[in-house]
PDB file of N, CA and C in Angstrom:
ATOM      1  N   UNK A   1      77.584  99.893  90.816  1.00  0.00           N
ATOM      2  CA  UNK A   1      78.576  99.062  91.759  1.00  0.00           C
ATOM      3  C   UNK A   1      77.605  98.665  92.864  1.00  0.00           C
ATOM      4  N   UNK A   2      77.265  97.782  93.473  1.00  0.00           N
ATOM      5  CA  UNK A   2      76.441  97.837  94.535  1.00  0.00           C
ATOM      6  C   UNK A   2      77.537  96.905  95.602  1.00  0.00           C
ATOM      7  N   UNK A   3      77.146  96.824  96.939  1.00  0.00           N
ATOM      8  CA  UNK A   3      77.596  96.362  98.039  1.00  0.00           C
ATOM      9  C   UNK A   3      78.769  94.894  97.767  1.00  0.00           C
ATOM     10  N   UNK A   4      77.820  94.197  97.097  1.00  0.00           N
ATOM     11  CA  UNK A   4      78.407  92.897  96.828  1.00  0.00           C
ATOM     12  C   UNK A   4      79.404  93.226  95.843  1.00  0.00           C
ATOM     13  N   UNK A   5      79.311  93.962  94.604  1.00  0.00           N
ATOM     14  CA  UNK A   5      80.280  94.366  93.601  1.00  0.00           C
ATOM     15  C   UNK A   5      81.670  94.738  94.514  1.00  0.00           C
ATOM     16  N   UNK A   6      81.368  95.879  95.408  1.00  0.00           N
ATOM     17  CA  UNK A   6      82.503  96.322  96.297  1.00  0.00           C
ATOM     18  C   UNK A   6      83.559  95.515  97.042  1.00  0.00           C
ATOM     19  N   UNK A   7      82.548  94.373  97.453  1.00  0.00           N
ATOM     20  CA  UNK A   7      83.186  93.946  98.212  1.00  0.00           C
ATOM     21  C   UNK A   7      84.226  92.839  96.925  1.00  0.00           C
ATOM     22  N   UNK A   8      83.978  92.574  96.299  1.00  0.00           N
ATOM     23  CA  UNK A   8      84.569  91.496  95.499  1.00  0.00           C
ATOM     24  C   UNK A   8      85.732  92.361  94.643  1.00  0.00           C
ATOM     25  N   UNK A   9      85.133  93.699  94.241  1.00  0.00           N
ATOM     26  CA  UNK A   9      86.643  94.330  93.814  1.00  0.00           C
ATOM     27  C   UNK A   9      87.424  95.066  94.335  1.00  0.00           C
ATOM     28  N   UNK A  10      86.771  95.282  95.605  1.00  0.00           N
ATOM     29  CA  UNK A  10      88.010  95.730  96.787  1.00  0.00           C
ATOM     30  C   UNK A  10      88.867  94.325  97.245  1.00  0.00           C
ATOM     31  N   UNK A  11      88.418  93.198  97.433  1.00  0.00           N
ATOM     32  CA  UNK A  11      89.470  91.973  97.704  1.00  0.00           C
ATOM     33  C   UNK A  11      90.213  91.836  96.563  1.00  0.00           C
ATOM     34  N   UNK A  12      89.518  91.615  94.930  1.00  0.00           N
ATOM     35  CA  UNK A  12      90.744  91.705  94.391  1.00  0.00           C
ATOM     36  C   UNK A  12      91.896  92.573  93.992  1.00  0.00           C
ATOM     37  N   UNK A  13      91.097  94.046  94.159  1.00  0.00           N
ATOM     38  CA  UNK A  13      92.425  95.274  93.923  1.00  0.00           C
ATOM     39  C   UNK A  13      93.208  94.841  95.258  1.00  0.00           C
ATOM     40  N   UNK A  14      92.729  94.488  96.358  1.00  0.00           N
ATOM     41  CA  UNK A  14      94.086  94.217  97.564  1.00  0.00           C
ATOM     42  C   UNK A  14      95.260  93.459  97.480  1.00  0.00           C
ATOM     43  N   UNK A  15      94.063  91.952  96.759  1.00  0.00           N
ATOM     44  CA  UNK A  15      95.209  90.863  96.794  1.00  0.00           C
ATOM     45  C   UNK A  15      96.301  91.316  95.636  1.00  0.00           C
ATOM     46  N   UNK A  16      95.622  91.821  94.504  1.00  0.00           N
ATOM     47  CA  UNK A  16      96.571  92.287  93.215  1.00  0.00           C
ATOM     48  C   UNK A  16      97.638  93.248  93.696  1.00  0.00           C
ATOM     49  N   UNK A  17      97.388  94.439  94.620  1.00  0.00           N
ATOM     50  CA  UNK A  17      98.214  95.498  95.070  1.00  0.00           C
ATOM     51  C   UNK A  17      99.452  94.883  96.179  1.00  0.00           C
ATOM     52  N   UNK A  18      98.891  93.784  97.054  1.00  0.00           N
ATOM     53  CA  UNK A  18      99.875  93.304  97.839  1.00  0.00           C
ATOM     54  C   UNK A  18     101.003  91.863  97.140  1.00  0.00           C
ATOM     55  N   UNK A  19     100.006  91.634  96.186  1.00  0.00           N
ATOM     56  CA  UNK A  19     101.029  90.852  95.517  1.00  0.00           C
ATOM     57  C   UNK A  19     102.000  91.451  94.815  1.00  0.00           C
ATOM     58  N   UNK A  20     101.368  92.616  93.854  1.00  0.00           N
ATOM     59  CA  UNK A  20     102.705  93.416  93.238  1.00  0.00           C
ATOM     60  C   UNK A  20     103.700  94.339  93.780  1.00  0.00           C
ATOM     61  N   UNK A  21     103.359  95.056  94.821  1.00  0.00           N
ATOM     62  CA  UNK A  21     104.114  95.876  95.729  1.00  0.00           C
ATOM     63  C   UNK A  21     104.153  95.509  97.072  1.00  0.00           C
ATOM     64  N   UNK A  22     103.494  94.512  97.489  1.00  0.00           N
ATOM     65  CA  UNK A  22     104.001  94.164  98.842  1.00  0.00           C
ATOM     66  C   UNK A  22     103.095  94.919 100.031  1.00  0.00           C
ATOM     67  N   UNK A  23     102.041  95.657  99.366  1.00  0.00           N
ATOM     68  CA  UNK A  23     101.460  96.628 100.215  1.00  0.00           C
ATOM     69  C   UNK A  23     100.147  96.919  99.641  1.00  0.00           C
ATOM     70  N   UNK A  24      99.140  97.597 100.294  1.00  0.00           N
ATOM     71  CA  UNK A  24      97.744  97.966  99.632  1.00  0.00           C
ATOM     72  C   UNK A  24      97.142  99.318 100.188  1.00  0.00           C
ATOM     73  N   UNK A  25      97.768 100.571  99.810  1.00  0.00           N
ATOM     74  CA  UNK A  25      97.330 102.071 100.032  1.00  0.00           C
ATOM     75  C   UNK A  25      96.157 102.216  99.685  1.00  0.00           C
ATOM     76  N   UNK A  26      95.137 102.709 100.707  1.00  0.00           N
ATOM     77  CA  UNK A  26      93.804 103.098  99.958  1.00  0.00           C
ATOM     78  C   UNK A  26      93.987 103.936  98.974  1.00  0.00           C
ATOM     79  N   UNK A  27      94.891 104.733  98.461  1.00  0.00           N
ATOM     80  CA  UNK A  27      94.632 105.822  97.415  1.00  0.00           C
ATOM     81  C   UNK A  27      94.757 104.561  95.913  1.00  0.00           C
ATOM     82  N   UNK A  28      95.671 103.669  95.747  1.00  0.00           N
ATOM     83  CA  UNK A  28      95.976 102.556  95.013  1.00  0.00           C
ATOM     84  C   UNK A  28      94.499 101.863  95.008  1.00  0.00           C
ATOM     85  N   UNK A  29      93.987 101.343  95.850  1.00  0.00           N
ATOM     86  CA  UNK A  29      92.824 100.857  95.709  1.00  0.00           C
ATOM     87  C   UNK A  29      91.762 101.606  94.938  1.00  0.00           C
ATOM     88  N   UNK A  30      91.624 102.822  95.451  1.00  0.00           N
ATOM     89  CA  UNK A  30      90.663 103.736  94.977  1.00  0.00           C
ATOM     90  C   UNK A  30      90.821 103.715  93.094  1.00  0.00           C
ATOM     91  N   UNK A  31      92.417 103.977  93.169  1.00  0.00           N
ATOM     92  CA  UNK A  31      92.453 103.878  91.542  1.00  0.00           C
ATOM     93  C   UNK A  31      92.260 102.808  90.691  1.00  0.00           C
ATOM     94  N   UNK A  32      92.543 101.503  91.468  1.00  0.00           N
ATOM     95  CA  UNK A  32      92.253 100.448  90.534  1.00  0.00           C
ATOM     96  C   UNK A  32      90.675 100.033  90.265  1.00  0.00           C
ATOM     97  N   UNK A  33      89.767 100.498  91.631  1.00  0.00           N
ATOM     98  CA  UNK A  33      88.456 100.797  91.392  1.00  0.00           C
ATOM     99  C   UNK A  33      87.836 101.712  90.424  1.00  0.00           C
ATOM    100  N   UNK A  34      89.037 102.530  89.904  1.00  0.00           N
ATOM    101  CA  UNK A  34      88.360 103.432  88.679  1.00  0.00           C
ATOM    102  C   UNK A  34      87.582 104.810  89.704  1.00  0.00           C
ATOM    103  N   UNK A  35      87.540 104.606  90.915  1.00  0.00           N
ATOM    104  CA  UNK A  35      87.011 105.896  91.864  1.00  0.00           C
ATOM    105  C   UNK A  35      88.185 107.044  92.041  1.00  0.00           C
ATOM    106  N   UNK A  36      89.233 107.036  91.453  1.00  0.00           N
ATOM    107  CA  UNK A  36      90.152 107.802  91.949  1.00  0.00           C
ATOM    108  C   UNK A  36      91.239 107.848  90.662  1.00  0.00           C
ATOM    109  N   UNK A  37      91.516 109.071  89.751  1.00  0.00           N
ATOM    110  CA  UNK A  37      92.435 109.313  88.920  1.00  0.00           C
ATOM    111  C   UNK A  37      93.717 109.671  89.114  1.00  0.00           C
ATOM    112  N   UNK A  38      94.478 108.931  88.581  1.00  0.00           N
ATOM    113  CA  UNK A  38      95.741 109.257  88.640  1.00  0.00           C
ATOM    114  C   UNK A  38      96.034 110.557  88.691  1.00  0.00           C
ATOM    115  N   UNK A  39      95.662 111.184  87.940  1.00  0.00           N
ATOM    116  CA  UNK A  39      95.882 112.850  87.946  1.00  0.00           C
ATOM    117  C   UNK A  39      95.228 113.450  89.243  1.00  0.00           C
ATOM    118  N   UNK A  40      94.149 113.251  89.645  1.00  0.00           N
ATOM    119  CA  UNK A  40      93.777 113.714  90.724  1.00  0.00           C
ATOM    120  C   UNK A  40      94.253 113.240  91.955  1.00  0.00           C
ATOM    121  N   UNK A  41      94.699 112.015  91.827  1.00  0.00           N
ATOM    122  CA  UNK A  41      95.532 111.723  92.796  1.00  0.00           C
ATOM    123  C   UNK A  41      96.941 112.502  93.293  1.00  0.00           C
ATOM    124  N   UNK A  42      97.592 112.833  92.031  1.00  0.00           N
ATOM    125  CA  UNK A  42      98.939 113.455  91.735  1.00  0.00           C
ATOM    126  C   UNK A  42      98.765 114.965  92.481  1.00  0.00           C
ATOM    127  N   UNK A  43      97.315 115.558  92.025  1.00  0.00           N
ATOM    128  CA  UNK A  43      96.841 117.040  92.506  1.00  0.00           C
ATOM    129  C   UNK A  43      96.954 116.847  94.103  1.00  0.00           C
ATOM    130  N   UNK A  44      96.355 116.064  94.797  1.00  0.00           N
ATOM    131  CA  UNK A  44      95.928 115.463  95.772  1.00  0.00           C
ATOM    132  C   UNK A  44      97.281 115.296  96.974  1.00  0.00           C
ATOM    133  N   UNK A  45      98.197 114.858  96.216  1.00  0.00           N
ATOM    134  CA  UNK A  45      99.391 114.187  96.945  1.00  0.00           C
ATOM    135  C   UNK A  45     100.432 115.779  96.581  1.00  0.00           C
ATOM    136  N   UNK A  46     100.101 117.024  95.747  1.00  0.00           N
ATOM    137  CA  UNK A  46     101.190 118.370  95.772  1.00  0.00           C
ATOM    138  C   UNK A  46     100.363 119.017  96.563  1.00  0.00           C
ATOM    139  N   UNK A  47      99.037 118.870  96.860  1.00  0.00           N
ATOM    140  CA  UNK A  47      98.796 119.871  97.795  1.00  0.00           C
ATOM    141  C   UNK A  47      97.553 120.686  97.106  1.00  0.00           C
ATOM    142  N   UNK A  48      97.595 120.444  95.815  1.00  0.00           N
ATOM    143  CA  UNK A  48      96.308 121.251  95.188  1.00  0.00           C
ATOM    144  C   UNK A  48      95.030 121.013  95.164  1.00  0.00           C
ATOM    145  N   UNK A  49      94.809 119.841  95.694  1.00  0.00           N
ATOM    146  CA  UNK A  49      93.239 119.638  96.579  1.00  0.00           C
ATOM    147  C   UNK A  49      93.348 119.367  98.093  1.00  0.00           C
ATOM    148  N   UNK A  50      92.732 120.046  98.566  1.00  0.00           N
ATOM    149  CA  UNK A  50      92.659 119.564 100.256  1.00  0.00           C
ATOM    150  C   UNK A  50      92.347 118.617 100.877  1.00  0.00           C
ATOM    151  N   UNK A  51      91.574 117.504 100.178  1.00  0.00           N
ATOM    152  CA  UNK A  51      91.132 116.288 100.648  1.00  0.00           C
ATOM    153  C   UNK A  51      90.947 115.140  99.577  1.00  0.00           C
ATOM    154  N   UNK A  52      91.331 114.119  99.793  1.00  0.00           N
ATOM    155  CA  UNK A  52      91.289 113.330  98.822  1.00  0.00           C
ATOM    156  C   UNK A  52      90.004 112.706  98.265  1.00  0.00           C
ATOM    157  N   UNK A  53      89.026 113.076  99.284  1.00  0.00           N
ATOM    158  CA  UNK A  53      87.470 112.564  99.056  1.00  0.00           C
ATOM    159  C   UNK A  53      86.727 113.613  97.983  1.00  0.00           C
ATOM    160  N   UNK A  54      87.380 114.932  98.029  1.00  0.00           N
ATOM    161  CA  UNK A  54      86.908 115.782  96.966  1.00  0.00           C
ATOM    162  C   UNK A  54      86.923 115.422  95.760  1.00  0.00           C
ATOM    163  N   UNK A  55      87.771 114.836  95.336  1.00  0.00           N
ATOM    164  CA  UNK A  55      88.181 114.201  93.737  1.00  0.00           C
ATOM    165  C   UNK A  55      87.734 112.785  93.711  1.00  0.00           C
ATOM    166  N   UNK A  56      87.500 112.319  94.464  1.00  0.00           N
ATOM    167  CA  UNK A  56      87.055 110.846  94.316  1.00  0.00           C
ATOM    168  C   UNK A  56      85.551 110.634  93.155  1.00  0.00           C
ATOM    169  N   UNK A  57      85.487 109.939  92.555  1.00  0.00           N
ATOM    170  CA  UNK A  57      84.487 110.004  91.554  1.00  0.00           C
ATOM    171  C   UNK A  57      83.707 108.853  92.010  1.00  0.00           C
ATOM    172  N   UNK A  58      82.967 108.717  93.262  1.00  0.00           N
ATOM    173  CA  UNK A  58      81.989 108.113  93.863  1.00  0.00           C
ATOM    174  C   UNK A  58      81.567 108.689  94.913  1.00  0.00           C
ATOM    175  N   UNK A  59      80.230 108.609  95.285  1.00  0.00           N
ATOM    176  CA  UNK A  59      80.004 108.931  96.563  1.00  0.00           C
ATOM    177  C   UNK A  59      80.395 109.041  97.949  1.00  0.00           C
ATOM    178  N   UNK A  60      80.114 109.686  99.023  1.00  0.00           N
ATOM    179  CA  UNK A  60      80.714 109.285 100.156  1.00  0.00           C
ATOM    180  C   UNK A  60      80.256 107.863 100.958  1.00  0.00           C
ATOM    181  N   UNK A  61      79.248 107.367 100.345  1.00  0.00           N
ATOM    182  CA  UNK A  61      78.513 106.442 100.675  1.00  0.00           C
ATOM    183  C   UNK A  61      79.493 104.949 100.230  1.00  0.00           C
ATOM    184  N   UNK A  62      79.644 105.013  98.776  1.00  0.00           N
ATOM    185  CA  UNK A  62      80.291 103.845  98.425  1.00  0.00           C
ATOM    186  C   UNK A  62      81.859 103.963  99.055  1.00  0.00           C
ATOM    187  N   UNK A  63      81.899 105.224  99.020  1.00  0.00           N
ATOM    188  CA  UNK A  63      83.841 105.769  99.516  1.00  0.00           C
ATOM    189  C   UNK A  63      83.911 104.545 101.009  1.00  0.00           C
ATOM    190  N   UNK A  64      82.781 105.124 101.598  1.00  0.00           N
ATOM    191  CA  UNK A  64      82.612 104.930 103.026  1.00  0.00           C
ATOM    192  C   UNK A  64      83.035 103.286 103.065  1.00  0.00           C
ATOM    193  N   UNK A  65      82.209 102.375 102.202  1.00  0.00           N
ATOM    194  CA  UNK A  65      82.111 101.003 102.133  1.00  0.00           C
ATOM    195  C   UNK A  65      83.148 100.623 101.749  1.00  0.00           C
ATOM    196  N   UNK A  66      84.198 101.107 100.630  1.00  0.00           N
ATOM    197  CA  UNK A  66      85.201 100.490  99.969  1.00  0.00           C
ATOM    198  C   UNK A  66      85.938 100.911 101.498  1.00  0.00           C
ATOM    199  N   UNK A  67      86.278 101.650 102.123  1.00  0.00           N
ATOM    200  CA  UNK A  67      87.134 101.795 103.410  1.00  0.00           C
ATOM    201  C   UNK A  67      86.903 100.283 104.200  1.00  0.00           C
ATOM    202  N   UNK A  68      85.501 100.349 104.737  1.00  0.00           N
ATOM    203  CA  UNK A  68      85.157  99.424 105.742  1.00  0.00           C
ATOM    204  C   UNK A  68      85.680  97.933 105.045  1.00  0.00           C
ATOM    205  N   UNK A  69      85.290  98.054 103.606  1.00  0.00           N
ATOM    206  CA  UNK A  69      85.784  96.371 103.191  1.00  0.00           C
ATOM    207  C   UNK A  69      87.393  96.169 103.405  1.00  0.00           C
ATOM    208  N   UNK A  70      87.781  97.114 102.929  1.00  0.00           N
ATOM    209  CA  UNK A  70      89.861  97.299 102.956  1.00  0.00           C
ATOM    210  C   UNK A  70      90.056  96.980 104.454  1.00  0.00           C
ATOM    211  N   UNK A  71      89.346  97.575 105.519  1.00  0.00           N
ATOM    212  CA  UNK A  71      89.671  97.230 106.869  1.00  0.00           C
ATOM    213  C   UNK A  71      89.328  95.647 107.097  1.00  0.00           C
ATOM    214  N   UNK A  72      88.242  95.156 106.554  1.00  0.00           N
ATOM    215  CA  UNK A  72      87.684  93.935 106.960  1.00  0.00           C
ATOM    216  C   UNK A  72      88.800  92.925 106.076  1.00  0.00           C
ATOM    217  N   UNK A  73      88.957  93.153 105.152  1.00  0.00           N
ATOM    218  CA  UNK A  73      90.289  92.364 104.219  1.00  0.00           C
ATOM    219  C   UNK A  73      91.451  92.475 104.831  1.00  0.00           C
ATOM    220  N   UNK A  74      91.994  93.498 105.455  1.00  0.00           N
ATOM    221  CA  UNK A  74      93.186  93.444 106.219  1.00  0.00           C
ATOM    222  C   UNK A  74      92.978  92.569 107.821  1.00  0.00           C
ATOM    223  N   UNK A  75      92.105  92.845 108.043  1.00  0.00           N
ATOM    224  CA  UNK A  75      91.698  91.985 109.516  1.00  0.00           C
ATOM    225  C   UNK A  75      91.884  90.707 109.060  1.00  0.00           C
ATOM    226  N   UNK A  76      90.976  89.968 107.982  1.00  0.00           N
ATOM    227  CA  UNK A  76      90.918  88.700 107.589  1.00  0.00           C
ATOM    228  C   UNK A  76      92.090  88.152 107.551  1.00  0.00           C
ATOM    229  N   UNK A  77      93.204  88.804 106.958  1.00  0.00           N
ATOM    230  CA  UNK A  77      94.531  88.559 106.494  1.00  0.00           C
ATOM    231  C   UNK A  77      95.689  89.107 107.070  1.00  0.00           C
ATOM    232  N   UNK A  78      95.118  89.371 108.488  1.00  0.00           N
ATOM    233  CA  UNK A  78      96.074  89.720 109.378  1.00  0.00           C
ATOM    234  C   UNK A  78      97.108  90.526 108.954  1.00  0.00           C
ATOM    235  N   UNK A  79      96.922  91.375 108.180  1.00  0.00           N
ATOM    236  CA  UNK A  79      97.600  92.978 107.901  1.00  0.00           C
ATOM    237  C   UNK A  79      97.814  93.646 108.834  1.00  0.00           C
ATOM    238  N   UNK A  80      98.952  94.715 108.759  1.00  0.00           N
ATOM    239  CA  UNK A  80      99.071  95.838 109.682  1.00  0.00           C
ATOM    240  C   UNK A  80      99.130  97.386 109.205  1.00  0.00           C
ATOM    241  N   UNK A  81      99.003  98.002 109.693  1.00  0.00           N
ATOM    242  CA  UNK A  81      99.055  99.603 109.841  1.00  0.00           C
ATOM    243  C   UNK A  81     100.554  99.735 109.572  1.00  0.00           C
ATOM    244  N   UNK A  82     100.901 100.729 108.918  1.00  0.00           N
ATOM    245  CA  UNK A  82     102.013 101.628 108.777  1.00  0.00           C
ATOM    246  C   UNK A  82     102.084 102.838 109.354  1.00  0.00           C
ATOM    247  N   UNK A  83     100.375 102.790 109.619  1.00  0.00           N
ATOM    248  CA  UNK A  83     100.217 104.338 110.418  1.00  0.00           C
ATOM    249  C   UNK A  83      99.160 105.137 109.383  1.00  0.00           C
ATOM    250  N   UNK A  84      98.788 106.060 110.120  1.00  0.00           N
ATOM    251  CA  UNK A  84      97.507 107.046 109.493  1.00  0.00           C
ATOM    252  C   UNK A  84      98.371 108.149 109.031  1.00  0.00           C
ATOM    253  N   UNK A  85      99.475 108.487 109.089  1.00  0.00           N
ATOM    254  CA  UNK A  85     100.122 109.697 108.568  1.00  0.00           C
ATOM    255  C   UNK A  85     100.581 109.610 107.017  1.00  0.00           C
ATOM    256  N   UNK A  86     100.391 110.913 106.552  1.00  0.00           N
ATOM    257  CA  UNK A  86     100.620 111.146 104.935  1.00  0.00           C
ATOM    258  C   UNK A  86     101.363 112.228 105.017  1.00  0.00           C
ATOM    259  N   UNK A  87     102.390 112.110 104.107  1.00  0.00           N
ATOM    260  CA  UNK A  87     103.202 113.005 103.948  1.00  0.00           C
ATOM    261  C   UNK A  87     103.365 113.325 102.457  1.00  0.00           C
ATOM    262  N   UNK A  88     103.301 114.799 101.856  1.00  0.00           N
ATOM    263  CA  UNK A  88     103.536 114.611 100.558  1.00  0.00           C
ATOM    264  C   UNK A  88     105.094 115.134 100.594  1.00  0.00           C
ATOM    265  N   UNK A  89     105.491 114.886  99.320  1.00  0.00           N
ATOM    266  CA  UNK A  89     107.161 115.216  98.670  1.00  0.00           C
ATOM    267  C   UNK A  89     107.623 116.362  99.451  1.00  0.00           C
ATOM    268  N   UNK A  90     106.987 117.060  99.961  1.00  0.00           N
ATOM    269  CA  UNK A  90     107.305 118.595 100.294  1.00  0.00           C
ATOM    270  C   UNK A  90     107.044 118.711 101.981  1.00  0.00           C
ATOM    271  N   UNK A  91     106.857 117.331 102.432  1.00  0.00           N
ATOM    272  CA  UNK A  91     106.750 116.988 103.890  1.00  0.00           C
ATOM    273  C   UNK A  91     105.703 117.815 104.416  1.00  0.00           C
ATOM    274  N   UNK A  92     104.395 117.839 103.756  1.00  0.00           N
ATOM    275  CA  UNK A  92     103.100 118.777 104.283  1.00  0.00           C
ATOM    276  C   UNK A  92     102.273 117.534 104.361  1.00  0.00           C
ATOM    277  N   UNK A  93     102.038 117.464 105.588  1.00  0.00           N
ATOM    278  CA  UNK A  93     100.860 116.388 106.146  1.00  0.00           C
ATOM    279  C   UNK A  93      99.625 116.673 104.972  1.00  0.00           C
ATOM    280  N   UNK A  94      98.949 115.353 104.758  1.00  0.00           N
ATOM    281  CA  UNK A  94      98.162 115.579 103.740  1.00  0.00           C
ATOM    282  C   UNK A  94      96.916 114.703 104.705  1.00  0.00           C
ATOM    283  N   UNK A  95      95.325 115.296 103.914  1.00  0.00           N
ATOM    284  CA  UNK A  95      94.423 114.725 104.595  1.00  0.00           C
ATOM    285  C   UNK A  95      93.507 113.927 103.768  1.00  0.00           C
ATOM    286  N   UNK A  96      93.111 112.894 103.940  1.00  0.00           N
ATOM    287  CA  UNK A  96      92.225 112.147 103.144  1.00  0.00           C
ATOM    288  C   UNK A  96      90.461 112.324 103.249  1.00  0.00           C
ATOM    289  N   UNK A  97      90.378 112.618 104.436  1.00  0.00           N
ATOM    290  CA  UNK A  97      89.071 113.270 104.296  1.00  0.00           C
ATOM    291  C   UNK A  97      89.101 114.639 104.893  1.00  0.00           C
ATOM    292  N   UNK A  98      87.559 115.423 104.966  1.00  0.00           N
ATOM    293  CA  UNK A  98      87.303 116.306 105.547  1.00  0.00           C
ATOM    294  C   UNK A  98      87.257 116.307 107.150  1.00  0.00           C
ATOM    295  N   UNK A  99      86.870 115.124 107.624  1.00  0.00           N
ATOM    296  CA  UNK A  99      86.684 114.792 108.801  1.00  0.00           C
ATOM    297  C   UNK A  99      87.494 114.180 109.569  1.00  0.00           C
ATOM    298  N   UNK A 100      88.614 113.643 108.900  1.00  0.00           N
ATOM    299  CA  UNK A 100      89.583 112.995 109.389  1.00  0.00           C
ATOM    300  C   UNK A 100      89.227 111.617 109.815  1.00  0.00           C
ATOM    301  N   UNK A 101      88.041 111.227 109.843  1.00  0.00           N
ATOM    302  CA  UNK A 101      87.891 110.095 110.441  1.00  0.00           C
ATOM    303  C   UNK A 101      88.603 108.646 109.376  1.00  0.00           C
ATOM    304  N   UNK A 102      88.253 109.001 108.414  1.00  0.00           N
ATOM    305  CA  UNK A 102      88.617 107.590 107.285  1.00  0.00           C
ATOM    306  C   UNK A 102      90.360 107.784 107.161  1.00  0.00           C
ATOM    307  N   UNK A 103      90.818 107.404 108.083  1.00  0.00           N
ATOM    308  CA  UNK A 103      92.598 107.597 107.931  1.00  0.00           C
ATOM    309  C   UNK A 103      93.035 106.389 106.583  1.00  0.00           C
ATOM    310  N   UNK A 104      93.609 107.445 105.947  1.00  0.00           N
ATOM    311  CA  UNK A 104      93.987 106.516 104.983  1.00  0.00           C
ATOM    312  C   UNK A 104      95.897 105.781 105.412  1.00  0.00           C
ATOM    313  N   UNK A 105      95.952 104.509 105.395  1.00  0.00           N
ATOM    314  CA  UNK A 105      96.635 103.921 106.015  1.00  0.00           C
ATOM    315  C   UNK A 105      97.626 102.958 104.870  1.00  0.00           C
ATOM    316  N   UNK A 106      98.689 102.499 105.035  1.00  0.00           N
ATOM    317  CA  UNK A 106      99.064 101.747 104.225  1.00  0.00           C
ATOM    318  C   UNK A 106      98.951 100.195 104.932  1.00  0.00           C
ATOM    319  N   UNK A 107      98.491  99.337 104.495  1.00  0.00           N
ATOM    320  CA  UNK A 107      98.629  98.036 104.604  1.00  0.00           C
ATOM    321  C   UNK A 107      99.621  97.246 103.887  1.00  0.00           C
ATOM    322  N   UNK A 108     100.211  96.144 105.125  1.00  0.00           N
ATOM    323  CA  UNK A 108     101.239  95.573 104.290  1.00  0.00           C
ATOM    324  C   UNK A 108     101.209  93.915 104.765  1.00  0.00           C
ATOM    325  N   UNK A 109     101.832  93.033 104.151  1.00  0.00           N
ATOM    326  CA  UNK A 109     102.145  91.713 104.838  1.00  0.00           C
ATOM    327  C   UNK A 109     103.145  91.274 104.134  1.00  0.00           C
ATOM    328  N   UNK A 110     103.901  90.152 105.288  1.00  0.00           N
ATOM    329  CA  UNK A 110     104.955  89.513 104.534  1.00  0.00           C
ATOM    330  C   UNK A 110     105.173  88.827 103.369  1.00  0.00           C
ATOM    331  N   UNK A 111     103.810  88.102 103.284  1.00  0.00           N
ATOM    332  CA  UNK A 111     103.938  87.204 102.098  1.00  0.00           C
ATOM    333  C   UNK A 111     102.106  87.510 101.550  1.00  0.00           C
ATOM    334  N   UNK A 112     102.214  87.780 100.358  1.00  0.00           N
ATOM    335  CA  UNK A 112     100.724  87.994  99.958  1.00  0.00           C
ATOM    336  C   UNK A 112      99.889  87.178  99.958  1.00  0.00           C
ATOM    337  N   UNK A 113      98.740  87.079 100.193  1.00  0.00           N
ATOM    338  CA  UNK A 113      97.480  86.117 100.257  1.00  0.00           C
ATOM    339  C   UNK A 113      97.316  85.263  98.559  1.00  0.00           C
ATOM    340  N   UNK A 114      96.891  84.293  98.616  1.00  0.00           N
ATOM    341  CA  UNK A 114      96.779  83.564  97.075  1.00  0.00           C
ATOM    342  C   UNK A 114      95.452  83.280  97.491  1.00  0.00           C
ATOM    343  N   UNK A 115      94.854  83.992  96.152  1.00  0.00           N
ATOM    344  CA  UNK A 115      93.328  83.857  96.233  1.00  0.00           C
ATOM    345  C   UNK A 115      92.899  82.741  94.861  1.00  0.00           C
TER     346      UNK A 115
END
């Protein structure tokens, strides 16, 4: 998957998720792209995995590109963040990244973009 593929696939995944759910969470986008399995996501949510990037099935460079494309899509479509705090069912703060620089945010829109 090259950068042009990432751009197109992230755009399609974000548009689809916003249309279906009204928001696009980074973990959902990663699952749509095949970079994160549902099982690994659930293990992270339950605290069995210390940080999400540990179980992503792509390298950190591509993961960074995906996150950058998500931010660009959000800016282009005037989406807003609900905040970077992630909490599991047990109310334990979860980390999306070892460095914590890659904030895992949920983006939402009043009306989904039509592409």
